[in-house]
Amino acid sequence: MEILQSAAPSKIVIKLDFFKPFEGHN
């Protein structure tokens, strides 16, 4: 996970990548 946007104190956007058990990018 990596925080792409952090606007205190109202919003946090995170890049979420799964590798196992299945690959997914959310």
mmCIF file of all heavy atoms, coordinates in Angstrom:
data_MODEL
# 
_entry.id   MODEL 
# 
loop_
_atom_site.group_PDB 
_atom_site.id 
_atom_site.type_symbol 
_atom_site.label_atom_id 
_atom_site.label_alt_id 
_atom_site.label_comp_id 
_atom_site.label_asym_id 
_atom_site.label_entity_id 
_atom_site.label_seq_id 
_atom_site.pdbx_PDB_ins_code 
_atom_site.Cartn_x 
_atom_site.Cartn_y 
_atom_site.Cartn_z 
_atom_site.occupancy 
_atom_site.B_iso_or_equiv 
_atom_site.pdbx_formal_charge 
_atom_site.auth_seq_id 
_atom_site.auth_comp_id 
_atom_site.auth_asym_id 
_atom_site.auth_atom_id 
_atom_site.pdbx_PDB_model_num 
ATOM 1   N N   . MET A 1 1  ? 0.851   -1.187  0.000   1.00 0.00 ? 1  MET A N   1 
ATOM 2   C CA  . MET A 1 1  ? 0.000   0.000   0.000   1.00 0.00 ? 1  MET A CA  1 
ATOM 3   C C   . MET A 1 1  ? 0.885   1.233   0.000   1.00 0.00 ? 1  MET A C   1 
ATOM 4   O O   . MET A 1 1  ? 1.954   1.231   0.614   1.00 0.00 ? 1  MET A O   1 
ATOM 5   C CB  . MET A 1 1  ? -0.886  0.051   1.248   1.00 0.00 ? 1  MET A CB  1 
ATOM 6   C CG  . MET A 1 1  ? -1.873  -1.079  1.364   1.00 0.00 ? 1  MET A CG  1 
ATOM 7   S SD  . MET A 1 1  ? -3.045  -0.836  2.736   1.00 0.00 ? 1  MET A SD  1 
ATOM 8   C CE  . MET A 1 1  ? -2.007  -1.100  4.164   1.00 0.00 ? 1  MET A CE  1 
ATOM 9   N N   . GLU A 1 2  ? 0.406   2.270   -0.670  1.00 0.00 ? 2  GLU A N   1 
ATOM 10  C CA  . GLU A 1 2  ? 1.101   3.553   -0.643  1.00 0.00 ? 2  GLU A CA  1 
ATOM 11  C C   . GLU A 1 2  ? 0.074   4.664   -0.592  1.00 0.00 ? 2  GLU A C   1 
ATOM 12  O O   . GLU A 1 2  ? -0.892  4.671   -1.363  1.00 0.00 ? 2  GLU A O   1 
ATOM 13  C CB  . GLU A 1 2  ? 1.982   3.734   -1.874  1.00 0.00 ? 2  GLU A CB  1 
ATOM 14  C CG  . GLU A 1 2  ? 2.732   5.050   -1.871  1.00 0.00 ? 2  GLU A CG  1 
ATOM 15  C CD  . GLU A 1 2  ? 3.643   5.235   -3.074  1.00 0.00 ? 2  GLU A CD  1 
ATOM 16  O OE1 . GLU A 1 2  ? 3.891   4.265   -3.808  1.00 0.00 ? 2  GLU A OE1 1 
ATOM 17  O OE2 . GLU A 1 2  ? 4.088   6.377   -3.287  1.00 0.00 ? 2  GLU A OE2 1 
ATOM 18  N N   . ILE A 1 3  ? 0.291   5.606   0.324   1.00 0.00 ? 3  ILE A N   1 
ATOM 19  C CA  . ILE A 1 3  ? -0.624  6.739   0.439   1.00 0.00 ? 3  ILE A CA  1 
ATOM 20  C C   . ILE A 1 3  ? -0.334  7.715   -0.697  1.00 0.00 ? 3  ILE A C   1 
ATOM 21  O O   . ILE A 1 3  ? 0.764   8.241   -0.811  1.00 0.00 ? 3  ILE A O   1 
ATOM 22  C CB  . ILE A 1 3  ? -0.509  7.430   1.810   1.00 0.00 ? 3  ILE A CB  1 
ATOM 23  C CG1 . ILE A 1 3  ? -0.901  6.443   2.911   1.00 0.00 ? 3  ILE A CG1 1 
ATOM 24  C CG2 . ILE A 1 3  ? -1.386  8.691   1.852   1.00 0.00 ? 3  ILE A CG2 1 
ATOM 25  C CD1 . ILE A 1 3  ? -0.775  6.982   4.324   1.00 0.00 ? 3  ILE A CD1 1 
ATOM 26  N N   . LEU A 1 4  ? -1.334  7.905   -1.547  1.00 0.00 ? 4  LEU A N   1 
ATOM 27  C CA  . LEU A 1 4  ? -1.209  8.811   -2.695  1.00 0.00 ? 4  LEU A CA  1 
ATOM 28  C C   . LEU A 1 4  ? -1.662  10.224  -2.364  1.00 0.00 ? 4  LEU A C   1 
ATOM 29  O O   . LEU A 1 4  ? -1.171  11.186  -2.934  1.00 0.00 ? 4  LEU A O   1 
ATOM 30  C CB  . LEU A 1 4  ? -2.037  8.286   -3.870  1.00 0.00 ? 4  LEU A CB  1 
ATOM 31  C CG  . LEU A 1 4  ? -1.672  6.912   -4.414  1.00 0.00 ? 4  LEU A CG  1 
ATOM 32  C CD1 . LEU A 1 4  ? -2.617  6.533   -5.553  1.00 0.00 ? 4  LEU A CD1 1 
ATOM 33  C CD2 . LEU A 1 4  ? -0.225  6.874   -4.870  1.00 0.00 ? 4  LEU A CD2 1 
ATOM 34  N N   . GLN A 1 5  ? -2.640  10.321  -1.461  1.00 0.00 ? 5  GLN A N   1 
ATOM 35  C CA  . GLN A 1 5  ? -3.198  11.625  -1.106  1.00 0.00 ? 5  GLN A CA  1 
ATOM 36  C C   . GLN A 1 5  ? -3.542  11.617  0.378   1.00 0.00 ? 5  GLN A C   1 
ATOM 37  O O   . GLN A 1 5  ? -4.131  10.658  0.878   1.00 0.00 ? 5  GLN A O   1 
ATOM 38  C CB  . GLN A 1 5  ? -4.454  11.897  -1.933  1.00 0.00 ? 5  GLN A CB  1 
ATOM 39  C CG  . GLN A 1 5  ? -5.128  13.201  -1.648  1.00 0.00 ? 5  GLN A CG  1 
ATOM 40  C CD  . GLN A 1 5  ? -6.429  13.356  -2.439  1.00 0.00 ? 5  GLN A CD  1 
ATOM 41  O OE1 . GLN A 1 5  ? -6.736  12.574  -3.328  1.00 0.00 ? 5  GLN A OE1 1 
ATOM 42  N NE2 . GLN A 1 5  ? -7.190  14.371  -2.099  1.00 0.00 ? 5  GLN A NE2 1 
ATOM 43  N N   . SER A 1 6  ? -3.171  12.676  1.056   1.00 0.00 ? 6  SER A N   1 
ATOM 44  C CA  . SER A 1 6  ? -3.442  12.798  2.475   1.00 0.00 ? 6  SER A CA  1 
ATOM 45  C C   . SER A 1 6  ? -3.860  14.240  2.748   1.00 0.00 ? 6  SER A C   1 
ATOM 46  O O   . SER A 1 6  ? -3.030  15.142  2.732   1.00 0.00 ? 6  SER A O   1 
ATOM 47  C CB  . SER A 1 6  ? -2.184  12.438  3.274   1.00 0.00 ? 6  SER A CB  1 
ATOM 48  O OG  . SER A 1 6  ? -2.389  12.631  4.640   1.00 0.00 ? 6  SER A OG  1 
ATOM 49  N N   . ALA A 1 7  ? -5.150  14.439  2.939   1.00 0.00 ? 7  ALA A N   1 
ATOM 50  C CA  . ALA A 1 7  ? -5.690  15.778  3.186   1.00 0.00 ? 7  ALA A CA  1 
ATOM 51  C C   . ALA A 1 7  ? -6.281  15.800  4.597   1.00 0.00 ? 7  ALA A C   1 
ATOM 52  O O   . ALA A 1 7  ? -7.442  15.447  4.806   1.00 0.00 ? 7  ALA A O   1 
ATOM 53  C CB  . ALA A 1 7  ? -6.746  16.122  2.141   1.00 0.00 ? 7  ALA A CB  1 
ATOM 54  N N   . ALA A 1 8  ? -5.452  16.192  5.565   1.00 0.00 ? 8  ALA A N   1 
ATOM 55  C CA  . ALA A 1 8  ? -5.871  16.176  6.975   1.00 0.00 ? 8  ALA A CA  1 
ATOM 56  C C   . ALA A 1 8  ? -6.991  17.171  7.214   1.00 0.00 ? 8  ALA A C   1 
ATOM 57  O O   . ALA A 1 8  ? -6.950  18.271  6.678   1.00 0.00 ? 8  ALA A O   1 
ATOM 58  C CB  . ALA A 1 8  ? -4.678  16.493  7.866   1.00 0.00 ? 8  ALA A CB  1 
ATOM 59  N N   . PRO A 1 9  ? -7.957  16.843  8.034   1.00 0.00 ? 9  PRO A N   1 
ATOM 60  C CA  . PRO A 1 9  ? -8.240  15.520  8.574   1.00 0.00 ? 9  PRO A CA  1 
ATOM 61  C C   . PRO A 1 9  ? -9.412  14.853  7.862   1.00 0.00 ? 9  PRO A C   1 
ATOM 62  O O   . PRO A 1 9  ? -10.215 14.178  8.482   1.00 0.00 ? 9  PRO A O   1 
ATOM 63  C CB  . PRO A 1 9  ? -8.605  15.837  10.020  1.00 0.00 ? 9  PRO A CB  1 
ATOM 64  C CG  . PRO A 1 9  ? -9.395  17.125  9.896   1.00 0.00 ? 9  PRO A CG  1 
ATOM 65  C CD  . PRO A 1 9  ? -8.745  17.871  8.743   1.00 0.00 ? 9  PRO A CD  1 
ATOM 66  N N   . SER A 1 10 ? -9.508  15.029  6.546   1.00 0.00 ? 10 SER A N   1 
ATOM 67  C CA  . SER A 1 10 ? -10.748 14.588  5.892   1.00 0.00 ? 10 SER A CA  1 
ATOM 68  C C   . SER A 1 10 ? -10.628 13.457  4.875   1.00 0.00 ? 10 SER A C   1 
ATOM 69  O O   . SER A 1 10 ? -11.620 12.776  4.620   1.00 0.00 ? 10 SER A O   1 
ATOM 70  C CB  . SER A 1 10 ? -11.408 15.787  5.204   1.00 0.00 ? 10 SER A CB  1 
ATOM 71  O OG  . SER A 1 10 ? -10.528 16.333  4.239   1.00 0.00 ? 10 SER A OG  1 
ATOM 72  N N   . LYS A 1 11 ? -9.433  13.225  4.279   1.00 0.00 ? 11 LYS A N   1 
ATOM 73  C CA  . LYS A 1 11 ? -9.392  12.217  3.224   1.00 0.00 ? 11 LYS A CA  1 
ATOM 74  C C   . LYS A 1 11 ? -7.994  11.618  3.078   1.00 0.00 ? 11 LYS A C   1 
ATOM 75  O O   . LYS A 1 11 ? -6.991  12.329  3.132   1.00 0.00 ? 11 LYS A O   1 
ATOM 76  C CB  . LYS A 1 11 ? -9.811  12.824  1.885   1.00 0.00 ? 11 LYS A CB  1 
ATOM 77  C CG  . LYS A 1 11 ? -9.942  11.828  0.760   1.00 0.00 ? 11 LYS A CG  1 
ATOM 78  C CD  . LYS A 1 11 ? -10.511 12.504  -0.484  1.00 0.00 ? 11 LYS A CD  1 
ATOM 79  C CE  . LYS A 1 11 ? -10.761 11.497  -1.588  1.00 0.00 ? 11 LYS A CE  1 
ATOM 80  N NZ  . LYS A 1 11 ? -11.367 12.114  -2.759  1.00 0.00 ? 11 LYS A NZ  1 
ATOM 81  N N   . ILE A 1 12 ? -7.970  10.296  2.859   1.00 0.00 ? 12 ILE A N   1 
ATOM 82  C CA  . ILE A 1 12 ? -6.734  9.570   2.583   1.00 0.00 ? 12 ILE A CA  1 
ATOM 83  C C   . ILE A 1 12 ? -7.018  8.633   1.420   1.00 0.00 ? 12 ILE A C   1 
ATOM 84  O O   . ILE A 1 12 ? -7.996  7.881   1.445   1.00 0.00 ? 12 ILE A O   1 
ATOM 85  C CB  . ILE A 1 12 ? -6.252  8.771   3.813   1.00 0.00 ? 12 ILE A CB  1 
ATOM 86  C CG1 . ILE A 1 12 ? -5.958  9.724   4.975   1.00 0.00 ? 12 ILE A CG1 1 
ATOM 87  C CG2 . ILE A 1 12 ? -5.022  7.930   3.464   1.00 0.00 ? 12 ILE A CG2 1 
ATOM 88  C CD1 . ILE A 1 12 ? -5.760  9.037   6.308   1.00 0.00 ? 12 ILE A CD1 1 
ATOM 89  N N   . VAL A 1 13 ? -6.172  8.687   0.383   1.00 0.00 ? 13 VAL A N   1 
ATOM 90  C CA  . VAL A 1 13 ? -6.312  7.811   -0.779  1.00 0.00 ? 13 VAL A CA  1 
ATOM 91  C C   . VAL A 1 13 ? -5.070  6.928   -0.838  1.00 0.00 ? 13 VAL A C   1 
ATOM 92  O O   . VAL A 1 13 ? -3.949  7.422   -0.782  1.00 0.00 ? 13 VAL A O   1 
ATOM 93  C CB  . VAL A 1 13 ? -6.456  8.619   -2.089  1.00 0.00 ? 13 VAL A CB  1 
ATOM 94  C CG1 . VAL A 1 13 ? -6.555  7.690   -3.288  1.00 0.00 ? 13 VAL A CG1 1 
ATOM 95  C CG2 . VAL A 1 13 ? -7.671  9.540   -2.015  1.00 0.00 ? 13 VAL A CG2 1 
ATOM 96  N N   . ILE A 1 14 ? -5.302  5.631   -0.974  1.00 0.00 ? 14 ILE A N   1 
ATOM 97  C CA  . ILE A 1 14 ? -4.219  4.646   -0.919  1.00 0.00 ? 14 ILE A CA  1 
ATOM 98  C C   . ILE A 1 14 ? -4.233  3.775   -2.170  1.00 0.00 ? 14 ILE A C   1 
ATOM 99  O O   . ILE A 1 14 ? -5.287  3.256   -2.565  1.00 0.00 ? 14 ILE A O   1 
ATOM 100 C CB  . ILE A 1 14 ? -4.383  3.745   0.328   1.00 0.00 ? 14 ILE A CB  1 
ATOM 101 C CG1 . ILE A 1 14 ? -4.331  4.588   1.597   1.00 0.00 ? 14 ILE A CG1 1 
ATOM 102 C CG2 . ILE A 1 14 ? -3.322  2.637   0.352   1.00 0.00 ? 14 ILE A CG2 1 
ATOM 103 C CD1 . ILE A 1 14 ? -4.750  3.852   2.853   1.00 0.00 ? 14 ILE A CD1 1 
ATOM 104 N N   . LYS A 1 15 ? -3.066  3.608   -2.770  1.00 0.00 ? 15 LYS A N   1 
ATOM 105 C CA  . LYS A 1 15 ? -2.887  2.641   -3.849  1.00 0.00 ? 15 LYS A CA  1 
ATOM 106 C C   . LYS A 1 15 ? -2.674  1.290   -3.172  1.00 0.00 ? 15 LYS A C   1 
ATOM 107 O O   . LYS A 1 15 ? -1.775  1.137   -2.338  1.00 0.00 ? 15 LYS A O   1 
ATOM 108 C CB  . LYS A 1 15 ? -1.683  3.009   -4.708  1.00 0.00 ? 15 LYS A CB  1 
ATOM 109 C CG  . LYS A 1 15 ? -1.395  2.025   -5.811  1.00 0.00 ? 15 LYS A CG  1 
ATOM 110 C CD  . LYS A 1 15 ? -0.139  2.421   -6.576  1.00 0.00 ? 15 LYS A CD  1 
ATOM 111 C CE  . LYS A 1 15 ? 0.162   1.364   -7.626  1.00 0.00 ? 15 LYS A CE  1 
ATOM 112 N NZ  . LYS A 1 15 ? 1.506   1.529   -8.165  1.00 0.00 ? 15 LYS A NZ  1 
ATOM 113 N N   . LEU A 1 16 ? -3.493  0.317   -3.522  1.00 0.00 ? 16 LEU A N   1 
ATOM 114 C CA  . LEU A 1 16 ? -3.495  -0.976  -2.855  1.00 0.00 ? 16 LEU A CA  1 
ATOM 115 C C   . LEU A 1 16 ? -3.243  -2.072  -3.890  1.00 0.00 ? 16 LEU A C   1 
ATOM 116 O O   . LEU A 1 16 ? -4.055  -2.286  -4.782  1.00 0.00 ? 16 LEU A O   1 
ATOM 117 C CB  . LEU A 1 16 ? -4.849  -1.180  -2.168  1.00 0.00 ? 16 LEU A CB  1 
ATOM 118 C CG  . LEU A 1 16 ? -5.153  -2.491  -1.496  1.00 0.00 ? 16 LEU A CG  1 
ATOM 119 C CD1 . LEU A 1 16 ? -4.121  -2.818  -0.429  1.00 0.00 ? 16 LEU A CD1 1 
ATOM 120 C CD2 . LEU A 1 16 ? -6.550  -2.429  -0.882  1.00 0.00 ? 16 LEU A CD2 1 
ATOM 121 N N   . ASP A 1 17 ? -2.093  -2.733  -3.766  1.00 0.00 ? 17 ASP A N   1 
ATOM 122 C CA  . ASP A 1 17 ? -1.720  -3.791  -4.703  1.00 0.00 ? 17 ASP A CA  1 
ATOM 123 C C   . ASP A 1 17 ? -1.605  -5.118  -3.964  1.00 0.00 ? 17 ASP A C   1 
ATOM 124 O O   . ASP A 1 17 ? -0.885  -5.213  -2.964  1.00 0.00 ? 17 ASP A O   1 
ATOM 125 C CB  . ASP A 1 17 ? -0.379  -3.473  -5.380  1.00 0.00 ? 17 ASP A CB  1 
ATOM 126 C CG  . ASP A 1 17 ? -0.449  -2.230  -6.238  1.00 0.00 ? 17 ASP A CG  1 
ATOM 127 O OD1 . ASP A 1 17 ? -1.401  -2.116  -7.032  1.00 0.00 ? 17 ASP A OD1 1 
ATOM 128 O OD2 . ASP A 1 17 ? 0.444   -1.372  -6.115  1.00 0.00 ? 17 ASP A OD2 1 
ATOM 129 N N   . PHE A 1 18 ? -2.320  -6.116  -4.451  1.00 0.00 ? 18 PHE A N   1 
ATOM 130 C CA  . PHE A 1 18 ? -2.226  -7.472  -3.913  1.00 0.00 ? 18 PHE A CA  1 
ATOM 131 C C   . PHE A 1 18 ? -1.395  -8.309  -4.880  1.00 0.00 ? 18 PHE A C   1 
ATOM 132 O O   . PHE A 1 18 ? -1.564  -8.214  -6.094  1.00 0.00 ? 18 PHE A O   1 
ATOM 133 C CB  . PHE A 1 18 ? -3.618  -8.101  -3.798  1.00 0.00 ? 18 PHE A CB  1 
ATOM 134 C CG  . PHE A 1 18 ? -4.523  -7.382  -2.847  1.00 0.00 ? 18 PHE A CG  1 
ATOM 135 C CD1 . PHE A 1 18 ? -5.515  -6.543  -3.335  1.00 0.00 ? 18 PHE A CD1 1 
ATOM 136 C CD2 . PHE A 1 18 ? -4.397  -7.542  -1.477  1.00 0.00 ? 18 PHE A CD2 1 
ATOM 137 C CE1 . PHE A 1 18 ? -6.367  -5.878  -2.471  1.00 0.00 ? 18 PHE A CE1 1 
ATOM 138 C CE2 . PHE A 1 18 ? -5.241  -6.876  -0.603  1.00 0.00 ? 18 PHE A CE2 1 
ATOM 139 C CZ  . PHE A 1 18 ? -6.231  -6.041  -1.107  1.00 0.00 ? 18 PHE A CZ  1 
ATOM 140 N N   . PHE A 1 19 ? -0.509  -9.130  -4.334  1.00 0.00 ? 19 PHE A N   1 
ATOM 141 C CA  . PHE A 1 19 ? 0.314   -10.008 -5.163  1.00 0.00 ? 19 PHE A CA  1 
ATOM 142 C C   . PHE A 1 19 ? -0.067  -11.472 -4.974  1.00 0.00 ? 19 PHE A C   1 
ATOM 143 O O   . PHE A 1 19 ? -0.095  -12.237 -5.930  1.00 0.00 ? 19 PHE A O   1 
ATOM 144 C CB  . PHE A 1 19 ? 1.795   -9.802  -4.851  1.00 0.00 ? 19 PHE A CB  1 
ATOM 145 C CG  . PHE A 1 19 ? 2.218   -8.354  -4.943  1.00 0.00 ? 19 PHE A CG  1 
ATOM 146 C CD1 . PHE A 1 19 ? 2.842   -7.730  -3.878  1.00 0.00 ? 19 PHE A CD1 1 
ATOM 147 C CD2 . PHE A 1 19 ? 1.958   -7.603  -6.081  1.00 0.00 ? 19 PHE A CD2 1 
ATOM 148 C CE1 . PHE A 1 19 ? 3.217   -6.400  -3.954  1.00 0.00 ? 19 PHE A CE1 1 
ATOM 149 C CE2 . PHE A 1 19 ? 2.330   -6.271  -6.160  1.00 0.00 ? 19 PHE A CE2 1 
ATOM 150 C CZ  . PHE A 1 19 ? 2.961   -5.666  -5.089  1.00 0.00 ? 19 PHE A CZ  1 
ATOM 151 N N   . LYS A 1 20 ? -0.338  -11.877 -3.728  1.00 0.00 ? 20 LYS A N   1 
ATOM 152 C CA  . LYS A 1 20 ? -0.760  -13.232 -3.424  1.00 0.00 ? 20 LYS A CA  1 
ATOM 153 C C   . LYS A 1 20 ? -1.976  -13.161 -2.511  1.00 0.00 ? 20 LYS A C   1 
ATOM 154 O O   . LYS A 1 20 ? -2.051  -12.246 -1.696  1.00 0.00 ? 20 LYS A O   1 
ATOM 155 C CB  . LYS A 1 20 ? 0.349   -14.009 -2.693  1.00 0.00 ? 20 LYS A CB  1 
ATOM 156 C CG  . LYS A 1 20 ? 1.547   -14.349 -3.519  1.00 0.00 ? 20 LYS A CG  1 
ATOM 157 C CD  . LYS A 1 20 ? 2.541   -15.287 -2.829  1.00 0.00 ? 20 LYS A CD  1 
ATOM 158 C CE  . LYS A 1 20 ? 2.917   -14.891 -1.437  1.00 0.00 ? 20 LYS A CE  1 
ATOM 159 N NZ  . LYS A 1 20 ? 3.997   -15.618 -0.834  1.00 0.00 ? 20 LYS A NZ  1 
ATOM 160 N N   . PRO A 1 21 ? -2.903  -14.036 -2.525  1.00 0.00 ? 21 PRO A N   1 
ATOM 161 C CA  . PRO A 1 21 ? -2.954  -15.228 -3.363  1.00 0.00 ? 21 PRO A CA  1 
ATOM 162 C C   . PRO A 1 21 ? -3.360  -14.936 -4.807  1.00 0.00 ? 21 PRO A C   1 
ATOM 163 O O   . PRO A 1 21 ? -3.139  -15.743 -5.690  1.00 0.00 ? 21 PRO A O   1 
ATOM 164 C CB  . PRO A 1 21 ? -3.992  -16.099 -2.684  1.00 0.00 ? 21 PRO A CB  1 
ATOM 165 C CG  . PRO A 1 21 ? -4.912  -15.135 -2.007  1.00 0.00 ? 21 PRO A CG  1 
ATOM 166 C CD  . PRO A 1 21 ? -4.045  -13.978 -1.610  1.00 0.00 ? 21 PRO A CD  1 
ATOM 167 N N   . PHE A 1 22 ? -3.963  -13.758 -5.046  1.00 0.00 ? 22 PHE A N   1 
ATOM 168 C CA  . PHE A 1 22 ? -4.322  -13.357 -6.406  1.00 0.00 ? 22 PHE A CA  1 
ATOM 169 C C   . PHE A 1 22 ? -3.854  -11.921 -6.613  1.00 0.00 ? 22 PHE A C   1 
ATOM 170 O O   . PHE A 1 22 ? -3.955  -11.097 -5.713  1.00 0.00 ? 22 PHE A O   1 
ATOM 171 C CB  . PHE A 1 22 ? -5.841  -13.411 -6.635  1.00 0.00 ? 22 PHE A CB  1 
ATOM 172 C CG  . PHE A 1 22 ? -6.427  -14.771 -6.432  1.00 0.00 ? 22 PHE A CG  1 
ATOM 173 C CD1 . PHE A 1 22 ? -7.160  -15.067 -5.304  1.00 0.00 ? 22 PHE A CD1 1 
ATOM 174 C CD2 . PHE A 1 22 ? -6.229  -15.764 -7.375  1.00 0.00 ? 22 PHE A CD2 1 
ATOM 175 C CE1 . PHE A 1 22 ? -7.694  -16.326 -5.105  1.00 0.00 ? 22 PHE A CE1 1 
ATOM 176 C CE2 . PHE A 1 22 ? -6.752  -17.023 -7.189  1.00 0.00 ? 22 PHE A CE2 1 
ATOM 177 C CZ  . PHE A 1 22 ? -7.491  -17.311 -6.047  1.00 0.00 ? 22 PHE A CZ  1 
ATOM 178 N N   . GLU A 1 23 ? -3.404  -11.627 -7.795  1.00 0.00 ? 23 GLU A N   1 
ATOM 179 C CA  . GLU A 1 23 ? -2.982  -10.265 -8.096  1.00 0.00 ? 23 GLU A CA  1 
ATOM 180 C C   . GLU A 1 23 ? -4.206  -9.376  -8.268  1.00 0.00 ? 23 GLU A C   1 
ATOM 181 O O   . GLU A 1 23 ? -5.206  -9.772  -8.874  1.00 0.00 ? 23 GLU A O   1 
ATOM 182 C CB  . GLU A 1 23 ? -2.139  -10.240 -9.369  1.00 0.00 ? 23 GLU A CB  1 
ATOM 183 C CG  . GLU A 1 23 ? -1.551  -8.873  -9.652  1.00 0.00 ? 23 GLU A CG  1 
ATOM 184 C CD  . GLU A 1 23 ? -0.561  -8.874  -10.806 1.00 0.00 ? 23 GLU A CD  1 
ATOM 185 O OE1 . GLU A 1 23 ? -0.151  -9.950  -11.261 1.00 0.00 ? 23 GLU A OE1 1 
ATOM 186 O OE2 . GLU A 1 23 ? -0.206  -7.765  -11.236 1.00 0.00 ? 23 GLU A OE2 1 
ATOM 187 N N   . GLY A 1 24 ? -4.116  -8.196  -7.710  1.00 0.00 ? 24 GLY A N   1 
ATOM 188 C CA  . GLY A 1 24 ? -5.184  -7.215  -7.837  1.00 0.00 ? 24 GLY A CA  1 
ATOM 189 C C   . GLY A 1 24 ? -4.641  -5.832  -7.569  1.00 0.00 ? 24 GLY A C   1 
ATOM 190 O O   . GLY A 1 24 ? -3.712  -5.658  -6.774  1.00 0.00 ? 24 GLY A O   1 
ATOM 191 N N   . HIS A 1 25 ? -5.203  -4.852  -8.242  1.00 0.00 ? 25 HIS A N   1 
ATOM 192 C CA  . HIS A 1 25 ? -4.753  -3.465  -8.092  1.00 0.00 ? 25 HIS A CA  1 
ATOM 193 C C   . HIS A 1 25 ? -5.987  -2.605  -7.849  1.00 0.00 ? 25 HIS A C   1 
ATOM 194 O O   . HIS A 1 25 ? -6.849  -2.495  -8.725  1.00 0.00 ? 25 HIS A O   1 
ATOM 195 C CB  . HIS A 1 25 ? -3.976  -3.015  -9.329  1.00 0.00 ? 25 HIS A CB  1 
ATOM 196 C CG  . HIS A 1 25 ? -2.828  -3.942  -9.625  1.00 0.00 ? 25 HIS A CG  1 
ATOM 197 N ND1 . HIS A 1 25 ? -1.649  -3.891  -8.931  1.00 0.00 ? 25 HIS A ND1 1 
ATOM 198 C CD2 . HIS A 1 25 ? -2.711  -4.963  -10.505 1.00 0.00 ? 25 HIS A CD2 1 
ATOM 199 C CE1 . HIS A 1 25 ? -0.833  -4.841  -9.385  1.00 0.00 ? 25 HIS A CE1 1 
ATOM 200 N NE2 . HIS A 1 25 ? -1.461  -5.500  -10.336 1.00 0.00 ? 25 HIS A NE2 1 
ATOM 201 N N   . ASN A 1 26 ? -6.042  -2.031  -6.660  1.00 0.00 ? 26 ASN A N   1 
ATOM 202 C CA  . ASN A 1 26 ? -7.216  -1.285  -6.239  1.00 0.00 ? 26 ASN A CA  1 
ATOM 203 C C   . ASN A 1 26 ? -6.828  0.053   -5.631  1.00 0.00 ? 26 ASN A C   1 
ATOM 204 O O   . ASN A 1 26 ? -5.656  0.333   -5.405  1.00 0.00 ? 26 ASN A O   1 
ATOM 205 C CB  . ASN A 1 26 ? -8.007  -2.092  -5.201  1.00 0.00 ? 26 ASN A CB  1 
ATOM 206 C CG  . ASN A 1 26 ? -8.506  -3.397  -5.762  1.00 0.00 ? 26 ASN A CG  1 
ATOM 207 O OD1 . ASN A 1 26 ? -9.407  -3.412  -6.580  1.00 0.00 ? 26 ASN A OD1 1 
ATOM 208 N ND2 . ASN A 1 26 ? -7.909  -4.508  -5.349  1.00 0.00 ? 26 ASN A ND2 1 
# 
